[in-house]
Protein backbone atom coordinates (compact mmCIF):
# COMPACT_ATOMS: atom_id res chain seq x y z
CA ALA A 1 20.10 3.51 19.72
CA HIS A 2 16.41 2.61 19.69
CA GLU A 3 16.68 0.89 16.31
CA ASN A 4 19.82 -0.97 17.42
CA ALA A 5 18.02 -2.20 20.54
CA ARG A 6 14.99 -3.22 18.49
CA PHE A 7 17.14 -5.07 15.97
CA GLY A 8 19.10 -6.75 18.78
CA LYS A 9 15.90 -7.99 20.45
CA VAL A 10 14.54 -9.46 17.22
CA ASN A 11 17.92 -10.95 16.33
CA ASP A 12 18.34 -12.53 19.78
CA ASP A 13 14.85 -14.02 19.58
CA LEU A 14 15.57 -15.48 16.14
CA THR A 15 18.91 -16.87 17.34
CA GLU A 16 17.26 -18.54 20.33
CA ARG A 17 14.59 -20.13 18.15
CA ASN A 18 17.17 -21.37 15.64
CA ILE A 19 19.27 -22.88 18.44
CA ARG A 20 16.22 -24.75 19.79
CA VAL A 21 15.36 -26.05 16.33
CA GLY A 22 18.99 -27.01 15.73
CA ARG A 23 19.16 -28.95 18.98
CA PHE A 24 15.95 -30.79 18.16
CA LEU A 25 17.18 -31.69 14.66
CA ALA A 26 20.54 -32.78 16.11
CA ILE A 27 18.91 -35.07 18.70
CA LEU A 28 16.15 -36.52 16.51
CA PRO A 29 18.18 -38.61 13.99
CA PRO A 30 20.40 -40.46 16.52
CA THR A 31 17.38 -41.05 18.77
CA LEU A 32 15.44 -42.63 15.93
CA GLN A 33 18.46 -44.69 14.90
CA TYR A 34 18.86 -45.86 18.51
CA LEU A 35 15.22 -46.97 18.62
CA VAL A 36 15.57 -48.80 15.30
CA HIS A 37 18.63 -50.73 16.44
CA LEU A 38 17.08 -51.37 19.84
CA GLY A 39 14.14 -52.93 18.05
CA VAL A 40 16.47 -55.12 16.00
CA VAL A 41 18.24 -56.32 19.17
CA PHE A 42 14.89 -57.07 20.79
CA VAL A 43 13.65 -59.05 17.79
CA ILE A 44 16.85 -61.08 17.52
CA GLY A 45 16.93 -61.73 21.28
CA VAL A 46 13.30 -62.77 21.63
CA GLY A 47 13.30 -64.52 18.27
CA GLY A 48 16.42 -66.48 19.24
CA LEU A 49 14.76 -67.74 22.43
CA LEU A 50 11.64 -68.75 20.52
CA ALA A 51 13.74 -70.46 17.85
CA MET A 52 15.57 -72.46 20.54
CA ARG A 53 12.18 -73.65 21.81
CA GLY A 54 11.16 -74.55 18.27
CA GLN A 55 8.35 -72.01 18.18
CA LEU A 56 9.87 -69.95 15.31
CA SER A 57 12.00 -70.79 12.34
CA LEU A 58 15.11 -68.84 11.39
CA GLY A 59 13.42 -67.63 8.19
CA GLU A 60 10.47 -66.21 10.14
CA ILE A 61 12.83 -64.31 12.42
CA LEU A 62 14.71 -62.81 9.45
CA ALA A 63 11.47 -61.90 7.68
CA PHE A 64 10.04 -60.21 10.78
CA ASN A 65 13.32 -58.35 11.31
CA SER A 66 13.24 -57.08 7.72
CA TYR A 67 9.64 -55.88 8.11
CA LEU A 68 10.56 -54.16 11.34
CA LEU A 69 13.50 -52.36 9.71
CA TRP A 70 11.30 -51.11 6.87
CA VAL A 71 8.67 -49.81 9.27
CA MET A 72 11.15 -48.21 11.66
CA MET A 73 13.14 -46.53 8.88
CA SER A 74 9.92 -45.13 7.42
CA LEU A 75 8.95 -43.81 10.84
CA SER A 76 12.37 -42.17 11.24
CA HIS A 77 11.98 -40.47 7.86
CA LEU A 78 8.48 -39.41 8.87
CA GLY A 79 9.88 -37.81 12.01
CA MET A 80 12.33 -35.78 9.95
CA MET A 81 9.53 -34.77 7.59
CA VAL A 82 7.40 -33.57 10.50
CA SER A 83 10.17 -31.24 11.64
CA PHE A 84 10.52 -29.76 8.16
CA ILE A 85 6.76 -29.56 7.65
CA SER A 86 6.32 -27.59 10.86
CA SER A 87 8.83 -24.95 9.72
CA SER A 88 7.36 -24.94 6.20
CA ALA A 89 3.85 -24.46 7.58
CA ALA A 90 4.87 -21.15 9.16
CA SER A 91 6.28 -19.95 5.84
CA ALA A 92 3.22 -21.20 3.95
CA GLN A 93 0.95 -19.30 6.32
CA ARG A 94 2.69 -16.03 5.49
CA ILE A 95 2.52 -16.79 1.77
CA TYR A 96 -1.20 -17.59 1.91
CA GLU A 97 -1.83 -14.38 3.83
CA VAL A 98 -0.55 -12.52 0.78
CA LEU A 99 -2.26 -14.77 -1.80
CA ASN A 100 -5.61 -14.59 -0.04
CA GLN A 101 -5.66 -10.82 0.13
CA THR A 102 -8.38 -9.31 -2.03
CA SER A 103 -7.80 -6.01 -3.78
CA THR A 104 -10.05 -3.13 -2.82
CA VAL A 105 -9.67 -1.84 -6.38
CA THR A 106 -12.35 -3.66 -8.39
CA ASP A 107 -12.84 -3.61 -12.15
CA GLY A 108 -15.45 -1.27 -13.60
CA ASP A 109 -17.78 -1.98 -16.53
CA ILE A 110 -17.11 0.89 -18.94
CA VAL A 111 -14.42 0.55 -21.60
CA LEU A 112 -12.60 3.86 -22.09
CA SER A 113 -11.59 4.52 -25.68
CA GLY A 114 -9.95 7.53 -27.24
CA ALA A 115 -9.22 9.47 -24.06
CA THR A 116 -8.55 13.16 -24.61
CA GLY A 117 -6.02 13.49 -21.82
CA ARG A 118 -8.30 15.64 -19.70
CA ALA A 119 -8.31 14.61 -16.04
CA ALA A 120 -9.85 16.08 -12.93
CA LEU A 121 -9.66 15.48 -9.20
CA GLN A 122 -12.66 16.90 -7.38
CA GLY A 123 -12.78 17.20 -3.60
CA VAL A 124 -10.40 14.26 -3.17
CA ASP A 125 -9.38 12.94 0.25
CA PHE A 126 -7.16 9.88 0.67
CA ALA A 127 -5.54 7.92 3.50
CA TYR A 128 -3.77 4.57 3.43
CA ASP A 129 -5.35 1.49 5.00
CA GLY A 130 -4.82 1.38 8.73
CA HIS A 131 -4.04 5.11 8.85
CA GLU A 132 -7.50 6.53 8.22
CA HIS A 133 -6.91 9.29 10.77
CA GLU A 134 -3.72 10.40 8.99
CA PRO A 135 -4.91 11.63 5.57
CA VAL A 136 -2.22 11.90 2.91
CA LEU A 137 -4.34 14.07 0.61
CA GLN A 138 -7.02 16.53 1.69
CA ASP A 139 -9.54 18.47 -0.40
CA ILE A 140 -7.64 18.16 -3.69
CA ASN A 141 -9.27 20.03 -6.58
CA LEU A 142 -7.26 19.95 -9.79
CA THR A 143 -8.21 20.02 -13.46
CA ILE A 144 -5.71 19.04 -16.15
CA THR A 145 -6.63 20.08 -19.69
CA PRO A 146 -5.64 18.11 -22.82
CA GLY A 147 -2.13 18.84 -24.08
CA GLN A 148 -1.16 20.62 -20.89
CA THR A 149 1.99 19.96 -18.86
CA VAL A 150 1.26 20.09 -15.14
CA ALA A 151 4.06 19.85 -12.58
CA LEU A 152 3.66 18.80 -8.95
CA LEU A 153 6.20 20.33 -6.59
CA GLY A 154 6.61 19.88 -2.87
CA ALA A 155 8.70 18.44 -0.09
CA THR A 156 9.07 14.71 0.50
CA GLY A 157 5.85 13.38 2.02
CA SER A 158 3.66 16.15 0.63
CA GLY A 159 1.53 13.65 -1.32
CA LYS A 160 2.82 14.07 -4.88
CA SER A 161 3.32 10.37 -5.69
CA THR A 162 0.09 9.44 -3.94
CA LEU A 163 -1.84 11.94 -6.04
CA ILE A 164 -0.61 10.56 -9.35
CA SER A 165 -1.29 6.99 -8.14
CA LEU A 166 -5.00 7.79 -8.05
CA LEU A 167 -5.22 8.34 -11.82
CA PRO A 168 -4.35 4.74 -12.89
CA ARG A 169 -6.29 3.50 -9.83
CA PHE A 170 -3.48 1.99 -7.85
CA TYR A 171 -5.65 3.26 -5.00
CA ASP A 172 -9.22 4.51 -4.77
CA VAL A 173 -10.15 7.81 -3.17
CA GLU A 174 -12.02 7.91 0.13
CA ARG A 175 -13.96 11.03 -0.76
CA GLY A 176 -14.50 12.91 -3.99
CA GLN A 177 -13.78 11.52 -7.44
CA VAL A 178 -11.16 11.25 -10.15
CA THR A 179 -12.43 11.57 -13.71
CA LEU A 180 -11.08 11.13 -17.24
CA ASP A 181 -12.67 12.24 -20.51
CA ASP A 182 -13.18 10.04 -23.56
CA GLY A 183 -13.07 11.09 -27.21
CA CYS A 184 -16.66 12.35 -27.01
CA MET A 185 -15.78 14.67 -24.11
CA SER A 186 -17.80 12.60 -21.63
CA SER A 187 -16.33 12.45 -18.14
CA TYR A 188 -16.12 9.11 -16.36
CA ASP A 189 -15.26 8.36 -12.77
CA VAL A 190 -12.18 6.12 -13.03
CA ARG A 191 -13.88 3.64 -10.65
CA ALA A 192 -16.47 2.96 -13.36
CA LEU A 193 -13.85 2.09 -16.00
CA THR A 194 -12.23 -1.25 -16.71
CA LEU A 195 -8.68 -1.26 -15.39
CA GLU A 196 -7.27 -2.48 -18.71
CA SER A 197 -8.84 0.31 -20.78
CA LEU A 198 -7.97 2.94 -18.17
CA ARG A 199 -4.32 2.00 -17.85
CA ALA A 200 -3.96 1.61 -21.62
CA GLN A 201 -4.40 5.39 -21.86
CA ILE A 202 -1.71 6.14 -19.26
CA GLY A 203 2.07 5.92 -19.49
CA LEU A 204 3.81 5.90 -16.11
CA THR A 205 7.45 6.04 -15.08
CA PRO A 206 7.63 5.33 -11.32
CA GLN A 207 10.21 6.68 -8.88
CA GLU A 208 11.92 3.31 -8.68
CA THR A 209 12.79 2.19 -12.19
CA ILE A 210 11.91 -1.44 -12.81
CA LEU A 211 13.82 -3.24 -15.57
CA PHE A 212 13.83 -6.94 -16.34
CA SER A 213 16.56 -9.35 -17.33
CA GLY A 214 16.62 -9.49 -21.10
CA ALA A 215 17.49 -7.33 -24.10
CA ILE A 216 17.21 -3.55 -23.94
CA ARG A 217 14.87 -3.72 -26.94
CA ASP A 218 12.47 -6.01 -25.08
CA ASN A 219 12.55 -3.82 -21.97
CA ILE A 220 11.58 -0.74 -23.98
CA ARG A 221 8.64 -2.44 -25.69
CA TYR A 222 7.48 -4.22 -22.57
CA GLY A 223 4.17 -2.34 -22.55
CA ARG A 224 3.68 -2.71 -26.32
CA PRO A 225 5.30 -5.94 -27.53
CA GLU A 226 4.10 -5.51 -31.12
CA ALA A 227 6.03 -2.25 -31.61
CA GLY A 228 8.50 -2.25 -34.50
CA ASP A 229 12.22 -1.57 -34.25
CA GLU A 230 11.85 1.93 -35.75
CA GLU A 231 9.33 2.87 -33.06
CA VAL A 232 11.62 1.52 -30.35
CA VAL A 233 14.52 3.62 -31.67
CA ALA A 234 12.32 6.73 -31.93
CA ALA A 235 11.18 6.34 -28.31
CA ALA A 236 14.77 5.84 -27.16
CA GLN A 237 15.89 8.94 -29.06
CA ALA A 238 13.15 11.03 -27.46
CA ALA A 239 14.26 9.79 -24.03
CA GLN A 240 17.93 10.56 -24.86
CA ALA A 241 18.75 6.87 -24.46
CA HIS A 242 19.74 6.02 -28.05
CA ASP A 243 23.35 7.22 -27.80
CA PHE A 244 24.29 5.25 -24.70
CA ILE A 245 22.46 2.18 -26.03
CA MET A 246 24.50 2.28 -29.24
CA SER A 247 27.71 2.61 -27.21
CA PHE A 248 27.23 -1.02 -26.17
CA PRO A 249 28.68 -3.62 -28.59
CA GLU A 250 25.30 -5.33 -28.94
CA GLY A 251 23.27 -2.11 -29.13
CA TYR A 252 19.56 -2.72 -28.54
CA ASP A 253 20.23 -6.45 -28.15
CA THR A 254 22.43 -5.86 -25.09
CA LEU A 255 21.30 -8.11 -22.27
CA LEU A 256 20.46 -6.46 -18.96
CA GLY A 257 20.79 -8.06 -15.56
CA GLN A 258 17.85 -8.28 -13.18
CA ARG A 259 16.60 -4.75 -12.37
CA GLY A 260 19.17 -3.36 -14.82
CA VAL A 261 22.13 -3.83 -12.49
CA ASN A 262 24.60 -3.14 -15.30
CA LEU A 263 23.20 0.36 -15.95
CA SER A 264 23.57 3.64 -14.08
CA GLY A 265 20.61 5.30 -12.41
CA GLY A 266 20.27 7.88 -15.16
CA GLN A 267 20.42 5.24 -17.90
CA LYS A 268 17.69 3.21 -16.22
CA GLN A 269 15.47 6.26 -15.91
CA ARG A 270 15.87 7.08 -19.60
CA LEU A 271 14.90 3.52 -20.58
CA ALA A 272 11.82 3.81 -18.37
CA ILE A 273 10.84 7.06 -20.11
CA ALA A 274 11.36 5.42 -23.52
CA ARG A 275 9.13 2.52 -22.47
CA ALA A 276 6.38 4.91 -21.38
CA LEU A 277 6.62 6.92 -24.61
CA LEU A 278 6.39 3.80 -26.78
CA VAL A 279 2.92 3.09 -25.39
CA GLN A 280 1.84 6.42 -26.96
CA PRO A 281 -0.30 7.37 -23.96
CA ARG A 282 -2.82 10.19 -23.86
CA LEU A 283 -1.69 10.91 -20.30
CA LEU A 284 2.02 10.64 -19.47
CA ILE A 285 2.99 10.57 -15.78
CA LEU A 286 6.64 11.16 -14.88
CA ASP A 287 7.25 10.55 -11.18
CA ASP A 288 10.61 12.21 -10.50
CA SER A 289 11.87 10.36 -13.56
CA THR A 290 14.90 12.54 -14.23
CA SER A 291 16.30 12.78 -10.70
CA SER A 292 19.44 10.83 -11.70
CA VAL A 293 19.89 12.63 -15.02
CA ASP A 294 22.15 15.65 -15.45
CA VAL A 295 20.51 19.00 -16.14
CA GLU A 296 21.64 19.18 -19.78
CA THR A 297 20.16 15.76 -20.59
CA GLU A 298 17.00 16.64 -18.67
CA VAL A 299 16.51 19.73 -20.83
CA LYS A 300 16.95 17.65 -24.00
CA ILE A 301 14.42 15.09 -22.75
CA GLN A 302 11.90 17.83 -22.00
CA GLU A 303 12.42 19.40 -25.43
CA ALA A 304 11.91 16.00 -27.09
CA LEU A 305 8.76 15.38 -25.05
CA ASP A 306 7.36 18.77 -26.04
CA ALA A 307 8.14 18.16 -29.71
CA SER A 308 6.77 14.61 -29.86
CA GLY A 309 3.56 15.11 -27.92
CA LYS A 310 1.72 18.33 -28.71
CA GLU A 311 -1.63 16.69 -27.89
CA ARG A 312 -0.37 14.55 -25.03
CA THR A 313 -1.11 15.56 -21.46
CA THR A 314 1.88 15.33 -19.13
CA LEU A 315 1.83 15.17 -15.34
CA LEU A 316 5.28 15.76 -13.92
CA VAL A 317 6.50 15.17 -10.36
CA ALA A 318 9.83 16.79 -9.56
CA GLN A 319 12.18 17.53 -6.69
CA ARG A 320 14.35 19.93 -8.70
CA ILE A 321 12.60 23.22 -9.30
CA SER A 322 14.50 23.64 -12.57
CA SER A 323 12.49 20.69 -13.92
CA VAL A 324 9.19 22.56 -13.71
CA PHE A 325 10.03 25.94 -15.25
CA GLY A 326 8.48 25.04 -18.60
CA ALA A 327 5.26 23.58 -17.21
CA ASP A 328 1.97 25.22 -18.18
CA GLN A 329 0.81 24.91 -14.59
CA ILE A 330 2.77 24.24 -11.40
CA VAL A 331 0.95 22.83 -8.38
CA VAL A 332 2.60 23.39 -4.99
CA LEU A 333 1.73 20.74 -2.40
CA GLU A 334 2.36 20.83 1.33
CA GLY A 335 0.96 18.45 3.94
CA GLY A 336 -1.34 16.82 1.40
CA ARG A 337 -3.00 20.08 0.40
CA ILE A 338 -2.69 22.29 -2.68
CA MET A 339 -1.16 25.53 -1.45
CA ALA A 340 -0.87 27.34 -4.79
CA MET A 341 -1.17 26.89 -8.56
CA GLY A 342 0.16 28.93 -11.43
CA SER A 343 3.06 29.46 -13.81
CA HIS A 344 6.66 29.86 -12.70
CA ARG A 345 6.46 33.67 -12.89
CA GLU A 346 3.13 33.82 -11.05
CA LEU A 347 4.27 31.58 -8.22
CA LEU A 348 7.52 33.47 -7.74
CA ALA A 349 5.47 36.59 -7.21
CA THR A 350 2.64 35.16 -5.09
CA CYS A 351 3.70 31.92 -3.34
CA ALA A 352 6.15 32.08 -0.44
CA ILE A 353 6.64 28.29 -0.40
CA TYR A 354 7.58 28.22 -4.10
CA ARG A 355 9.87 31.21 -3.69
CA GLU A 356 11.59 29.54 -0.72
CA ILE A 357 12.16 26.33 -2.73
CA TYR A 358 13.50 28.37 -5.64
CA GLU A 359 15.93 30.36 -3.52
CA SER A 360 17.13 27.30 -1.58
CA GLN A 361 17.95 25.43 -4.79
CA LEU A 362 19.03 28.17 -7.18
CA GLY A 363 19.42 31.37 -5.22
CA ASN A 364 18.32 34.52 -6.98
CA GLY A 365 19.93 33.29 -10.19
CA PRO A 366 20.39 35.23 -13.39
CA GLY A 367 17.65 37.67 -14.08
CA GLY A 368 16.26 37.61 -10.58
CA GLY A 369 14.68 34.18 -11.01
CA VAL A 370 12.35 35.09 -13.90
CA SER A 371 12.80 32.26 -16.37
């Protein structure tokens, strides 16, 4: 009821404004036309009297009338332009508000090369702009070792997606630091790194899959345009996308609509995973990337990821607890805090939150939940 009332108020206000603008635009053209023709009548009337007295010639009257028409018609067009400019100015103001915004994430000076995949979050606090008193993450301490698969598990709003957004520096932490290691095992605060070199080491599949109009092949190699066809196919096979791609008459040359409207949710997610794998990242972040995929396909994707990336570090965000069973370390988040960390077996035995999630999704299951 509250939202309906709020929408009704905004809608009524917009309707009233549009009616006022419509009335103005309806009155303006005939008014200007009336003034133009009134001017013509005045010129002919006064000019006729002066011509009868011999003070003006007929040619002078016609010339003056023509000049008057040109001026008055230009003024009428100007009046219409003013009405459109006023409405355009409001739109332009909103556009410039966006264009003039400066990012708080500034480029660092250090070029990161040969990252090992080791990442650490040390004493991290974070809150979104304008909500400084409502921290999303609090006192996060997490170390991810090279080649490890770490899963983040928690309810909606627990801070999982925010946490992984700190690694590629979509946001900067308020307190603490996020570090990555290079090939020489030196740790760098991500704020000191150039954004290009940092993000070149990270492959990310976001919650909302973004695909572009164009061929499937081009969508997969969007992050690495120079990749060959064999590499594209290998990435698609690892993401379990090859079979459905080849079911299309045009195969990898099949054209997609904007945002992949001609694909299912699961198909779009698999293409996003293939795109991330093709970049060959040292750190792969999967943000609930298999939520629309059936369990059997999800298992195959995980097996392919394990087989193709022994040295790659994987950070996995999941809603389904079955997605995290094989992780080396599972991190349970609640209210922006880490409540527990450990393997599936350890958490079943020691963490009430994890056990509650397990039982609500799977029940006791075969073998009493020890998988």
